[in-house]
Amino acid sequence: MFEKEKDMKNSVKTLLYTLIVILFSFSSIQADHDSSPADNEPEKKPRVKTDIKIATEGAYPPWNLKDASGKLIGFEIDLANLLCDYMKYFNCKIVEYDWDGMIPSLTAGKFDAIMAGMSITDERKKKIKFTKPYADEVASLAVMKGSSLETLKTKADSIFLNNKPFKKQKRKVRKDLKIISQALSGKTVGVQTGTIHQNFLESGLVGEINFRTYKTQAEVNLDLESGRIDVALAAAVAFVDYAKKSGKPVVIIGPKFSGGVFGNGVGIGLRKPKGQNAEQDKFLREDLNKAIKKAKKKGKITELSIKWFGFDASI
């Protein structure tokens, strides 16, 4: 009898031990299934708010324009979408906005960034921040075929300016600027308002020039074609694009312009970090710079510029 009771006690102990082992194993498996590194670490939140608005003009081909259906297309539209793709957590919305109101609207918080063929200049940097440049934009003069200015020639094919007045430009540059000044005397130059091209005409580097400003580049092109202006100044690629699409005999004349008032490449305009959104604006600029660097390294900016410009405009 005693032996039987002992055997029963041992059996109960064995059963209890087995149940404990099974329960412990199940708990461990369940814990392994449910747990993850995120349970043991603070959840990482996106550094920047999810909705980002990028403003573009939609009227500066091939940088940015609209197709027949009104959809925004162009080099910068493709690039903006690519950068947003690289910055995974962004839900980017590209919005159309008038060129002459872009910087005030950016600082007022109506959108978060500008991608509109905006050159990085010292004057603009007084008001806003920029990313690193992603493309270069040389400027040129253009006339209609048959114009007396069609034969305008300078000693250099390209003029690189510094941020100084006429007298402090290089000697060779001063000579070419004088040739241009003499050629434009008595002529009317058309230019889009609020641009580096207007800044150049107002700088005094080519003397006192009679010029007319327009809200869009398309309006400049139309008045050049109709003869209401004698010559126009804009990005060289804008004239090439217009001639190609319109079939009009537009001729680029004189040298290509860059540097100085023409800026240091084209970049994304951003608010200067301040106020309650200072940290967000700071993070946005950092992340955009990383995305631009990645796009350059992968050759994507070169690829897009060849697609839209016909040459590599990456910088």
C-alpha atoms as a PDB file:
ATOM      1  CA  MET A   1       0.000   0.000   0.000  1.00  0.00           C
ATOM      2  CA  PHE A   2       2.775   2.354   0.941  1.00  0.00           C
ATOM      3  CA  GLU A   3       4.617   1.650  -2.292  1.00  0.00           C
ATOM      4  CA  LYS A   4       1.499   2.405  -4.338  1.00  0.00           C
ATOM      5  CA  GLU A   5       0.989   5.761  -2.603  1.00  0.00           C
ATOM      6  CA  LYS A   6       4.631   6.610  -3.229  1.00  0.00           C
ATOM      7  CA  ASP A   7       4.294   5.739  -6.900  1.00  0.00           C
ATOM      8  CA  MET A   8       1.181   7.890  -7.206  1.00  0.00           C
ATOM      9  CA  LYS A   9       2.913  10.853  -5.555  1.00  0.00           C
ATOM     10  CA  ASN A  10       5.842  10.513  -7.933  1.00  0.00           C
ATOM     11  CA  SER A  11       3.495  10.327 -10.893  1.00  0.00           C
ATOM     12  CA  VAL A  12       1.680  13.501  -9.778  1.00  0.00           C
ATOM     13  CA  LYS A  13       4.995  15.315  -9.334  1.00  0.00           C
ATOM     14  CA  THR A  14       6.127  14.205 -12.764  1.00  0.00           C
ATOM     15  CA  LEU A  15       2.862  15.354 -14.305  1.00  0.00           C
ATOM     16  CA  LEU A  16       3.033  18.742 -12.590  1.00  0.00           C
ATOM     17  CA  TYR A  17       6.647  19.179 -13.671  1.00  0.00           C
ATOM     18  CA  THR A  18       5.739  18.328 -17.260  1.00  0.00           C
ATOM     19  CA  LEU A  19       2.854  20.820 -17.241  1.00  0.00           C
ATOM     20  CA  ILE A  20       5.108  23.565 -15.874  1.00  0.00           C
ATOM     21  CA  VAL A  21       7.699  22.912 -18.603  1.00  0.00           C
ATOM     22  CA  ILE A  22       4.993  22.994 -21.304  1.00  0.00           C
ATOM     23  CA  LEU A  23       3.477  26.238 -19.984  1.00  0.00           C
ATOM     24  CA  PHE A  24       6.889  27.878 -19.701  1.00  0.00           C
ATOM     25  CA  SER A  25       7.819  26.850 -23.249  1.00  0.00           C
ATOM     26  CA  PHE A  26       4.518  28.167 -24.622  1.00  0.00           C
ATOM     27  CA  SER A  27       5.002  31.506 -22.866  1.00  0.00           C
ATOM     28  CA  SER A  28       8.510  31.831 -24.318  1.00  0.00           C
ATOM     29  CA  ILE A  29       7.297  31.037 -27.845  1.00  0.00           C
ATOM     30  CA  GLN A  30       4.438  33.518 -27.545  1.00  0.00           C
ATOM     31  CA  ALA A  31       6.795  36.190 -26.240  1.00  0.00           C
ATOM     32  CA  ASP A  32       9.173  35.575 -29.126  1.00  0.00           C
ATOM     33  CA  HIS A  33       6.270  35.805 -31.580  1.00  0.00           C
ATOM     34  CA  ASP A  34       4.846  39.042 -30.178  1.00  0.00           C
ATOM     35  CA  SER A  35       8.011  40.912 -29.341  1.00  0.00           C
ATOM     36  CA  SER A  36      10.126  42.958 -31.744  1.00  0.00           C
ATOM     37  CA  PRO A  37      12.942  45.491 -31.417  1.00  0.00           C
ATOM     38  CA  ALA A  38      10.340  48.241 -31.674  1.00  0.00           C
ATOM     39  CA  ASP A  39       8.722  46.980 -28.402  1.00  0.00           C
ATOM     40  CA  ASN A  40      11.941  47.554 -26.546  1.00  0.00           C
ATOM     41  CA  GLU A  41      12.852  50.848 -28.232  1.00  0.00           C
ATOM     42  CA  PRO A  42      11.009  54.142 -28.575  1.00  0.00           C
ATOM     43  CA  GLU A  43       8.987  54.251 -31.794  1.00  0.00           C
ATOM     44  CA  LYS A  44      10.789  56.292 -34.459  1.00  0.00           C
ATOM     45  CA  LYS A  45       8.563  59.005 -35.833  1.00  0.00           C
ATOM     46  CA  PRO A  46       9.185  60.751 -39.174  1.00  0.00           C
ATOM     47  CA  ARG A  47      11.326  63.832 -38.654  1.00  0.00           C
ATOM     48  CA  VAL A  48       9.163  65.850 -41.034  1.00  0.00           C
ATOM     49  CA  LYS A  49       5.376  66.142 -41.272  1.00  0.00           C
ATOM     50  CA  THR A  50       3.916  63.802 -43.851  1.00  0.00           C
ATOM     51  CA  ASP A  51       2.339  66.329 -46.202  1.00  0.00           C
ATOM     52  CA  ILE A  52       4.884  68.400 -48.123  1.00  0.00           C
ATOM     53  CA  LYS A  53       3.874  70.946 -50.747  1.00  0.00           C
ATOM     54  CA  ILE A  54       6.359  71.825 -53.477  1.00  0.00           C
ATOM     55  CA  ALA A  55       5.533  74.875 -55.591  1.00  0.00           C
ATOM     56  CA  THR A  56       6.399  75.215 -59.264  1.00  0.00           C
ATOM     57  CA  GLU A  57       5.392  77.712 -61.926  1.00  0.00           C
ATOM     58  CA  GLY A  58       4.222  75.368 -64.652  1.00  0.00           C
ATOM     59  CA  ALA A  59       5.157  77.956 -67.266  1.00  0.00           C
ATOM     60  CA  TYR A  60       8.927  77.672 -67.687  1.00  0.00           C
ATOM     61  CA  PRO A  61       9.599  74.840 -70.147  1.00  0.00           C
ATOM     62  CA  PRO A  62      11.323  72.485 -70.086  1.00  0.00           C
ATOM     63  CA  TRP A  63      12.039  73.044 -66.375  1.00  0.00           C
ATOM     64  CA  ASN A  64       8.339  72.987 -65.546  1.00  0.00           C
ATOM     65  CA  LEU A  65       5.236  73.229 -67.752  1.00  0.00           C
ATOM     66  CA  LYS A  66       1.775  71.766 -68.356  1.00  0.00           C
ATOM     67  CA  ASP A  67       0.684  69.278 -70.983  1.00  0.00           C
ATOM     68  CA  ALA A  68      -2.478  69.555 -73.094  1.00  0.00           C
ATOM     69  CA  SER A  69      -4.578  68.166 -70.240  1.00  0.00           C
ATOM     70  CA  GLY A  70      -3.236  70.706 -67.759  1.00  0.00           C
ATOM     71  CA  LYS A  71      -1.019  68.211 -65.929  1.00  0.00           C
ATOM     72  CA  LEU A  72       2.281  69.535 -64.580  1.00  0.00           C
ATOM     73  CA  ILE A  73       5.270  67.990 -66.358  1.00  0.00           C
ATOM     74  CA  GLY A  74       8.930  68.814 -66.953  1.00  0.00           C
ATOM     75  CA  PHE A  75      12.422  68.252 -65.625  1.00  0.00           C
ATOM     76  CA  GLU A  76      11.676  69.544 -62.144  1.00  0.00           C
ATOM     77  CA  ILE A  77       8.386  67.677 -61.865  1.00  0.00           C
ATOM     78  CA  ASP A  78      10.164  64.391 -62.588  1.00  0.00           C
ATOM     79  CA  LEU A  79      12.987  65.328 -60.228  1.00  0.00           C
ATOM     80  CA  ALA A  80      10.600  66.347 -57.432  1.00  0.00           C
ATOM     81  CA  ASN A  81       8.811  63.018 -57.669  1.00  0.00           C
ATOM     82  CA  LEU A  82      12.135  61.174 -57.631  1.00  0.00           C
ATOM     83  CA  LEU A  83      13.362  63.037 -54.546  1.00  0.00           C
ATOM     84  CA  CYS A  84      10.083  62.361 -52.772  1.00  0.00           C
ATOM     85  CA  ASP A  85      10.441  58.684 -53.625  1.00  0.00           C
ATOM     86  CA  TYR A  86      13.903  58.648 -52.068  1.00  0.00           C
ATOM     87  CA  MET A  87      12.508  60.306 -48.924  1.00  0.00           C
ATOM     88  CA  LYS A  88      10.117  57.418 -48.330  1.00  0.00           C
ATOM     89  CA  TYR A  89       7.889  58.898 -45.664  1.00  0.00           C
ATOM     90  CA  PHE A  90       6.964  62.023 -47.614  1.00  0.00           C
ATOM     91  CA  ASN A  91       3.597  62.474 -49.251  1.00  0.00           C
ATOM     92  CA  CYS A  92       4.610  65.196 -51.704  1.00  0.00           C
ATOM     93  CA  LYS A  93       2.139  67.366 -53.516  1.00  0.00           C
ATOM     94  CA  ILE A  94       3.336  69.558 -56.376  1.00  0.00           C
ATOM     95  CA  VAL A  95       1.321  72.748 -56.657  1.00  0.00           C
ATOM     96  CA  GLU A  96       1.229  75.464 -59.320  1.00  0.00           C
ATOM     97  CA  TYR A  97       1.990  79.021 -58.222  1.00  0.00           C
ATOM     98  CA  ASP A  98       2.742  82.364 -59.872  1.00  0.00           C
ATOM     99  CA  TRP A  99       6.457  83.040 -60.136  1.00  0.00           C
ATOM    100  CA  ASP A 100       6.424  86.590 -58.817  1.00  0.00           C
ATOM    101  CA  GLY A 101       4.700  85.571 -55.584  1.00  0.00           C
ATOM    102  CA  MET A 102       6.676  82.444 -54.794  1.00  0.00           C
ATOM    103  CA  ILE A 103       9.183  83.669 -52.216  1.00  0.00           C
ATOM    104  CA  PRO A 104       6.656  85.699 -50.157  1.00  0.00           C
ATOM    105  CA  SER A 105       4.233  82.749 -50.242  1.00  0.00           C
ATOM    106  CA  LEU A 106       6.965  80.318 -49.173  1.00  0.00           C
ATOM    107  CA  THR A 107       7.912  82.447 -46.167  1.00  0.00           C
ATOM    108  CA  ALA A 108       4.205  82.846 -45.326  1.00  0.00           C
ATOM    109  CA  GLY A 109       3.870  79.062 -45.111  1.00  0.00           C
ATOM    110  CA  LYS A 110       1.565  78.478 -48.087  1.00  0.00           C
ATOM    111  CA  PHE A 111       3.891  75.688 -49.227  1.00  0.00           C
ATOM    112  CA  ASP A 112       7.168  74.149 -48.095  1.00  0.00           C
ATOM    113  CA  ALA A 113       9.578  74.283 -51.021  1.00  0.00           C
ATOM    114  CA  ILE A 114      10.133  75.866 -54.439  1.00  0.00           C
ATOM    115  CA  MET A 115      11.268  73.937 -57.515  1.00  0.00           C
ATOM    116  CA  ALA A 116      10.871  76.396 -60.367  1.00  0.00           C
ATOM    117  CA  GLY A 117      14.187  76.876 -62.118  1.00  0.00           C
ATOM    118  CA  MET A 118      15.198  79.182 -59.271  1.00  0.00           C
ATOM    119  CA  SER A 119      18.867  80.111 -59.345  1.00  0.00           C
ATOM    120  CA  ILE A 120      20.770  80.407 -56.083  1.00  0.00           C
ATOM    121  CA  THR A 121      21.736  84.068 -55.708  1.00  0.00           C
ATOM    122  CA  ASP A 122      23.060  86.178 -52.846  1.00  0.00           C
ATOM    123  CA  GLU A 123      20.004  88.424 -53.111  1.00  0.00           C
ATOM    124  CA  ARG A 124      17.567  85.522 -52.702  1.00  0.00           C
ATOM    125  CA  LYS A 125      19.626  84.012 -49.877  1.00  0.00           C
ATOM    126  CA  LYS A 126      18.831  87.095 -47.824  1.00  0.00           C
ATOM    127  CA  LYS A 127      15.207  85.916 -47.730  1.00  0.00           C
ATOM    128  CA  ILE A 128      15.270  82.115 -48.026  1.00  0.00           C
ATOM    129  CA  LYS A 129      17.499  79.060 -47.771  1.00  0.00           C
ATOM    130  CA  PHE A 130      18.501  76.753 -50.617  1.00  0.00           C
ATOM    131  CA  THR A 131      19.494  73.143 -50.975  1.00  0.00           C
ATOM    132  CA  LYS A 132      22.642  72.247 -52.833  1.00  0.00           C
ATOM    133  CA  PRO A 133      22.261  72.984 -56.560  1.00  0.00           C
ATOM    134  CA  TYR A 134      20.950  70.197 -58.776  1.00  0.00           C
ATOM    135  CA  ALA A 135      21.344  71.788 -62.226  1.00  0.00           C
ATOM    136  CA  ASP A 136      22.997  74.678 -64.020  1.00  0.00           C
ATOM    137  CA  GLU A 137      21.165  77.302 -66.032  1.00  0.00           C
ATOM    138  CA  VAL A 138      23.129  79.397 -68.509  1.00  0.00           C
ATOM    139  CA  ALA A 139      21.393  82.478 -69.885  1.00  0.00           C
ATOM    140  CA  SER A 140      21.326  83.757 -73.446  1.00  0.00           C
ATOM    141  CA  LEU A 141      19.953  86.501 -75.631  1.00  0.00           C
ATOM    142  CA  ALA A 142      17.619  85.509 -78.459  1.00  0.00           C
ATOM    143  CA  VAL A 143      16.091  87.202 -81.520  1.00  0.00           C
ATOM    144  CA  MET A 144      13.927  86.199 -84.442  1.00  0.00           C
ATOM    145  CA  LYS A 145      15.748  85.166 -87.614  1.00  0.00           C
ATOM    146  CA  GLY A 146      16.506  88.168 -89.787  1.00  0.00           C
ATOM    147  CA  SER A 147      17.103  90.545 -86.880  1.00  0.00           C
ATOM    148  CA  SER A 148      19.983  93.008 -87.189  1.00  0.00           C
ATOM    149  CA  LEU A 149      21.240  91.573 -83.883  1.00  0.00           C
ATOM    150  CA  GLU A 150      21.591  88.096 -85.326  1.00  0.00           C
ATOM    151  CA  THR A 151      25.283  88.663 -86.049  1.00  0.00           C
ATOM    152  CA  LEU A 152      26.129  89.786 -82.498  1.00  0.00           C
ATOM    153  CA  LYS A 153      29.493  88.292 -81.541  1.00  0.00           C
ATOM    154  CA  THR A 154      31.728  88.656 -78.507  1.00  0.00           C
ATOM    155  CA  LYS A 155      35.314  87.491 -78.131  1.00  0.00           C
ATOM    156  CA  ALA A 156      34.292  84.806 -75.639  1.00  0.00           C
ATOM    157  CA  ASP A 157      31.516  82.283 -76.193  1.00  0.00           C
ATOM    158  CA  SER A 158      30.754  82.314 -72.476  1.00  0.00           C
ATOM    159  CA  ILE A 159      30.890  85.114 -69.928  1.00  0.00           C
ATOM    160  CA  PHE A 160      31.366  84.175 -66.279  1.00  0.00           C
ATOM    161  CA  LEU A 161      30.601  87.109 -63.978  1.00  0.00           C
ATOM    162  CA  ASN A 162      31.612  87.786 -60.400  1.00  0.00           C
ATOM    163  CA  ASN A 163      29.453  89.498 -57.767  1.00  0.00           C
ATOM    164  CA  LYS A 164      31.093  92.873 -58.309  1.00  0.00           C
ATOM    165  CA  PRO A 165      30.286  96.033 -60.299  1.00  0.00           C
ATOM    166  CA  PHE A 166      31.393  96.546 -63.892  1.00  0.00           C
ATOM    167  CA  LYS A 167      34.779  98.087 -63.064  1.00  0.00           C
ATOM    168  CA  LYS A 168      35.778  95.093 -60.967  1.00  0.00           C
ATOM    169  CA  GLN A 169      34.930  92.457 -63.579  1.00  0.00           C
ATOM    170  CA  LYS A 170      37.844  90.876 -65.428  1.00  0.00           C
ATOM    171  CA  ARG A 171      39.226  92.931 -68.297  1.00  0.00           C
ATOM    172  CA  LYS A 172      38.115  90.436 -70.977  1.00  0.00           C
ATOM    173  CA  VAL A 173      34.637  90.325 -69.466  1.00  0.00           C
ATOM    174  CA  ARG A 174      34.382  94.147 -69.471  1.00  0.00           C
ATOM    175  CA  LYS A 175      35.265  94.263 -73.157  1.00  0.00           C
ATOM    176  CA  ASP A 176      32.545  91.752 -74.045  1.00  0.00           C
ATOM    177  CA  LEU A 177      29.984  93.524 -71.867  1.00  0.00           C
ATOM    178  CA  LYS A 178      30.721  96.757 -73.750  1.00  0.00           C
ATOM    179  CA  ILE A 179      30.119  95.011 -77.072  1.00  0.00           C
ATOM    180  CA  ILE A 180      26.739  93.796 -75.786  1.00  0.00           C
ATOM    181  CA  SER A 181      25.859  97.219 -74.386  1.00  0.00           C
ATOM    182  CA  GLN A 182      26.540  98.887 -77.741  1.00  0.00           C
ATOM    183  CA  ALA A 183      24.549  96.254 -79.621  1.00  0.00           C
ATOM    184  CA  LEU A 184      21.501  96.651 -77.348  1.00  0.00           C
ATOM    185  CA  SER A 185      21.536 100.447 -77.454  1.00  0.00           C
ATOM    186  CA  GLY A 186      18.173 101.688 -78.742  1.00  0.00           C
ATOM    187  CA  LYS A 187      16.674  98.180 -78.591  1.00  0.00           C
ATOM    188  CA  THR A 188      13.948  96.844 -76.297  1.00  0.00           C
ATOM    189  CA  VAL A 189      14.762  93.687 -74.350  1.00  0.00           C
ATOM    190  CA  GLY A 190      12.022  91.403 -73.031  1.00  0.00           C
ATOM    191  CA  VAL A 191      12.493  89.531 -69.776  1.00  0.00           C
ATOM    192  CA  GLN A 192      10.392  87.678 -67.216  1.00  0.00           C
ATOM    193  CA  THR A 193       9.838  89.670 -64.040  1.00  0.00           C
ATOM    194  CA  GLY A 194      11.576  88.763 -60.804  1.00  0.00           C
ATOM    195  CA  THR A 195      14.284  86.714 -62.500  1.00  0.00           C
ATOM    196  CA  ILE A 196      18.066  86.709 -62.530  1.00  0.00           C
ATOM    197  CA  HIS A 197      17.756  87.939 -66.112  1.00  0.00           C
ATOM    198  CA  GLN A 198      15.962  91.088 -64.988  1.00  0.00           C
ATOM    199  CA  ASN A 199      18.580  91.504 -62.249  1.00  0.00           C
ATOM    200  CA  PHE A 200      21.315  91.423 -64.881  1.00  0.00           C
ATOM    201  CA  LEU A 201      19.671  94.132 -66.976  1.00  0.00           C
ATOM    202  CA  GLU A 202      19.235  96.277 -63.867  1.00  0.00           C
ATOM    203  CA  SER A 203      22.779  95.692 -62.603  1.00  0.00           C
ATOM    204  CA  GLY A 204      24.415  98.311 -64.829  1.00  0.00           C
ATOM    205  CA  LEU A 205      26.841  95.736 -66.213  1.00  0.00           C
ATOM    206  CA  VAL A 206      25.602  96.500 -69.742  1.00  0.00           C
ATOM    207  CA  GLY A 207      24.758 100.141 -69.093  1.00  0.00           C
ATOM    208  CA  GLU A 208      21.285 101.647 -69.263  1.00  0.00           C
ATOM    209  CA  ILE A 209      19.115  99.167 -71.148  1.00  0.00           C
ATOM    210  CA  ASN A 210      15.529  99.661 -72.237  1.00  0.00           C
ATOM    211  CA  PHE A 211      13.674  96.533 -71.154  1.00  0.00           C
ATOM    212  CA  ARG A 212      10.128  95.310 -70.656  1.00  0.00           C
ATOM    213  CA  THR A 213       9.059  92.772 -68.038  1.00  0.00           C
ATOM    214  CA  TYR A 214       6.487  90.002 -68.405  1.00  0.00           C
ATOM    215  CA  LYS A 215       4.698  87.722 -65.968  1.00  0.00           C
ATOM    216  CA  THR A 216       5.696  84.510 -67.763  1.00  0.00           C
ATOM    217  CA  GLN A 217       8.329  83.356 -70.235  1.00  0.00           C
ATOM    218  CA  ALA A 218       5.532  82.425 -72.644  1.00  0.00           C
ATOM    219  CA  GLU A 219       4.535  86.101 -72.828  1.00  0.00           C
ATOM    220  CA  VAL A 220       8.155  87.053 -73.539  1.00  0.00           C
ATOM    221  CA  ASN A 221       8.259  84.536 -76.380  1.00  0.00           C
ATOM    222  CA  LEU A 222       5.021  85.819 -77.920  1.00  0.00           C
ATOM    223  CA  ASP A 223       6.159  89.444 -77.933  1.00  0.00           C
ATOM    224  CA  LEU A 224       9.520  88.464 -79.393  1.00  0.00           C
ATOM    225  CA  GLU A 225       7.734  86.613 -82.172  1.00  0.00           C
ATOM    226  CA  SER A 226       5.338  89.506 -82.842  1.00  0.00           C
ATOM    227  CA  GLY A 227       8.124  92.110 -82.926  1.00  0.00           C
ATOM    228  CA  ARG A 228       6.937  94.075 -79.885  1.00  0.00           C
ATOM    229  CA  ILE A 229      10.409  93.554 -78.432  1.00  0.00           C
ATOM    230  CA  ASP A 230      13.689  93.316 -80.339  1.00  0.00           C
ATOM    231  CA  VAL A 231      15.485  90.759 -78.222  1.00  0.00           C
ATOM    232  CA  ALA A 232      14.821  88.571 -75.180  1.00  0.00           C
ATOM    233  CA  LEU A 233      16.960  87.321 -72.316  1.00  0.00           C
ATOM    234  CA  ALA A 234      16.272  84.008 -70.544  1.00  0.00           C
ATOM    235  CA  ALA A 235      17.694  80.544 -69.941  1.00  0.00           C
ATOM    236  CA  ALA A 236      19.158  79.306 -73.230  1.00  0.00           C
ATOM    237  CA  VAL A 237      17.215  76.066 -72.946  1.00  0.00           C
ATOM    238  CA  ALA A 238      13.924  77.991 -72.723  1.00  0.00           C
ATOM    239  CA  PHE A 239      14.512  79.448 -76.191  1.00  0.00           C
ATOM    240  CA  VAL A 240      15.603  76.092 -77.593  1.00  0.00           C
ATOM    241  CA  ASP A 241      12.446  74.490 -76.229  1.00  0.00           C
ATOM    242  CA  TYR A 242      10.227  77.262 -77.611  1.00  0.00           C
ATOM    243  CA  ALA A 243      11.786  77.081 -81.087  1.00  0.00           C
ATOM    244  CA  LYS A 244      11.454  73.297 -81.151  1.00  0.00           C
ATOM    245  CA  LYS A 245       7.813  73.206 -80.074  1.00  0.00           C
ATOM    246  CA  SER A 246       6.535  76.258 -81.939  1.00  0.00           C
ATOM    247  CA  GLY A 247       8.564  75.859 -85.107  1.00  0.00           C
ATOM    248  CA  LYS A 248       9.377  79.581 -84.964  1.00  0.00           C
ATOM    249  CA  PRO A 249      12.792  80.762 -86.228  1.00  0.00           C
ATOM    250  CA  VAL A 250      14.239  81.814 -82.869  1.00  0.00           C
ATOM    251  CA  VAL A 251      17.997  82.403 -82.929  1.00  0.00           C
ATOM    252  CA  ILE A 252      20.249  82.436 -79.857  1.00  0.00           C
ATOM    253  CA  ILE A 253      22.859  85.168 -80.161  1.00  0.00           C
ATOM    254  CA  GLY A 254      25.974  86.351 -78.352  1.00  0.00           C
ATOM    255  CA  PRO A 255      27.615  84.593 -75.407  1.00  0.00           C
ATOM    256  CA  LYS A 256      26.214  82.373 -72.671  1.00  0.00           C
ATOM    257  CA  PHE A 257      26.014  84.098 -69.260  1.00  0.00           C
ATOM    258  CA  SER A 258      26.642  82.580 -65.829  1.00  0.00           C
ATOM    259  CA  GLY A 259      27.995  83.480 -62.390  1.00  0.00           C
ATOM    260  CA  GLY A 260      27.524  86.720 -60.478  1.00  0.00           C
ATOM    261  CA  VAL A 261      23.921  87.955 -60.691  1.00  0.00           C
ATOM    262  CA  PHE A 262      23.062  84.775 -62.600  1.00  0.00           C
ATOM    263  CA  GLY A 263      23.686  82.747 -59.459  1.00  0.00           C
ATOM    264  CA  ASN A 264      25.377  79.494 -58.579  1.00  0.00           C
ATOM    265  CA  GLY A 265      23.155  76.886 -60.127  1.00  0.00           C
ATOM    266  CA  VAL A 266      19.503  76.006 -59.559  1.00  0.00           C
ATOM    267  CA  GLY A 267      18.387  74.680 -56.182  1.00  0.00           C
ATOM    268  CA  ILE A 268      15.284  74.087 -54.082  1.00  0.00           C
ATOM    269  CA  GLY A 269      14.120  77.184 -52.213  1.00  0.00           C
ATOM    270  CA  LEU A 270      13.184  76.655 -48.561  1.00  0.00           C
ATOM    271  CA  ARG A 271      12.167  78.720 -45.548  1.00  0.00           C
ATOM    272  CA  LYS A 272      14.836  79.861 -43.118  1.00  0.00           C
ATOM    273  CA  PRO A 273      14.330  77.809 -39.947  1.00  0.00           C
ATOM    274  CA  LYS A 274      12.599  79.960 -37.326  1.00  0.00           C
ATOM    275  CA  GLY A 275       9.509  79.948 -35.138  1.00  0.00           C
ATOM    276  CA  GLN A 276       7.511  76.860 -34.240  1.00  0.00           C
ATOM    277  CA  ASN A 277       8.358  75.074 -37.516  1.00  0.00           C
ATOM    278  CA  ALA A 278      12.109  75.756 -37.324  1.00  0.00           C
ATOM    279  CA  GLU A 279      13.051  72.143 -36.628  1.00  0.00           C
ATOM    280  CA  GLN A 280      10.808  70.824 -39.412  1.00  0.00           C
ATOM    281  CA  ASP A 281      12.266  73.251 -41.980  1.00  0.00           C
ATOM    282  CA  LYS A 282      15.790  72.329 -40.892  1.00  0.00           C
ATOM    283  CA  PHE A 283      15.093  68.598 -41.251  1.00  0.00           C
ATOM    284  CA  LEU A 284      13.431  69.105 -44.645  1.00  0.00           C
ATOM    285  CA  ARG A 285      16.522  70.823 -46.040  1.00  0.00           C
ATOM    286  CA  GLU A 286      18.824  68.102 -44.685  1.00  0.00           C
ATOM    287  CA  ASP A 287      16.712  65.318 -46.148  1.00  0.00           C
ATOM    288  CA  LEU A 288      16.358  67.012 -49.533  1.00  0.00           C
ATOM    289  CA  ASN A 289      20.125  67.483 -49.712  1.00  0.00           C
ATOM    290  CA  LYS A 290      20.594  63.760 -49.007  1.00  0.00           C
ATOM    291  CA  ALA A 291      18.086  62.889 -51.721  1.00  0.00           C
ATOM    292  CA  ILE A 292      19.770  65.223 -54.243  1.00  0.00           C
ATOM    293  CA  LYS A 293      23.148  63.657 -53.430  1.00  0.00           C
ATOM    294  CA  LYS A 294      21.695  60.183 -53.991  1.00  0.00           C
ATOM    295  CA  ALA A 295      20.095  61.226 -57.301  1.00  0.00           C
ATOM    296  CA  LYS A 296      23.409  62.652 -58.501  1.00  0.00           C
ATOM    297  CA  LYS A 297      25.350  59.560 -57.450  1.00  0.00           C
ATOM    298  CA  LYS A 298      22.944  57.266 -59.287  1.00  0.00           C
ATOM    299  CA  GLY A 299      23.125  59.442 -62.419  1.00  0.00           C
ATOM    300  CA  LYS A 300      19.408  60.193 -62.271  1.00  0.00           C
ATOM    301  CA  ILE A 301      19.750  63.982 -62.575  1.00  0.00           C
ATOM    302  CA  THR A 302      21.931  63.534 -65.650  1.00  0.00           C
ATOM    303  CA  GLU A 303      19.353  61.129 -67.063  1.00  0.00           C
ATOM    304  CA  LEU A 304      16.439  63.524 -66.479  1.00  0.00           C
ATOM    305  CA  SER A 305      18.288  66.580 -67.823  1.00  0.00           C
ATOM    306  CA  ILE A 306      19.189  64.765 -71.048  1.00  0.00           C
ATOM    307  CA  LYS A 307      15.558  63.705 -71.358  1.00  0.00           C
ATOM    308  CA  TRP A 308      14.233  67.273 -71.020  1.00  0.00           C
ATOM    309  CA  PHE A 309      17.114  69.527 -72.135  1.00  0.00           C
ATOM    310  CA  GLY A 310      18.923  67.339 -74.612  1.00  0.00           C
ATOM    311  CA  PHE A 311      22.196  67.709 -72.685  1.00  0.00           C
ATOM    312  CA  ASP A 312      23.591  67.120 -69.210  1.00  0.00           C
ATOM    313  CA  ALA A 313      22.701  70.143 -67.074  1.00  0.00           C
ATOM    314  CA  SER A 314      23.492  68.479 -63.752  1.00  0.00           C
ATOM    315  CA  ILE A 315      25.848  70.342 -61.446  1.00  0.00           C
END
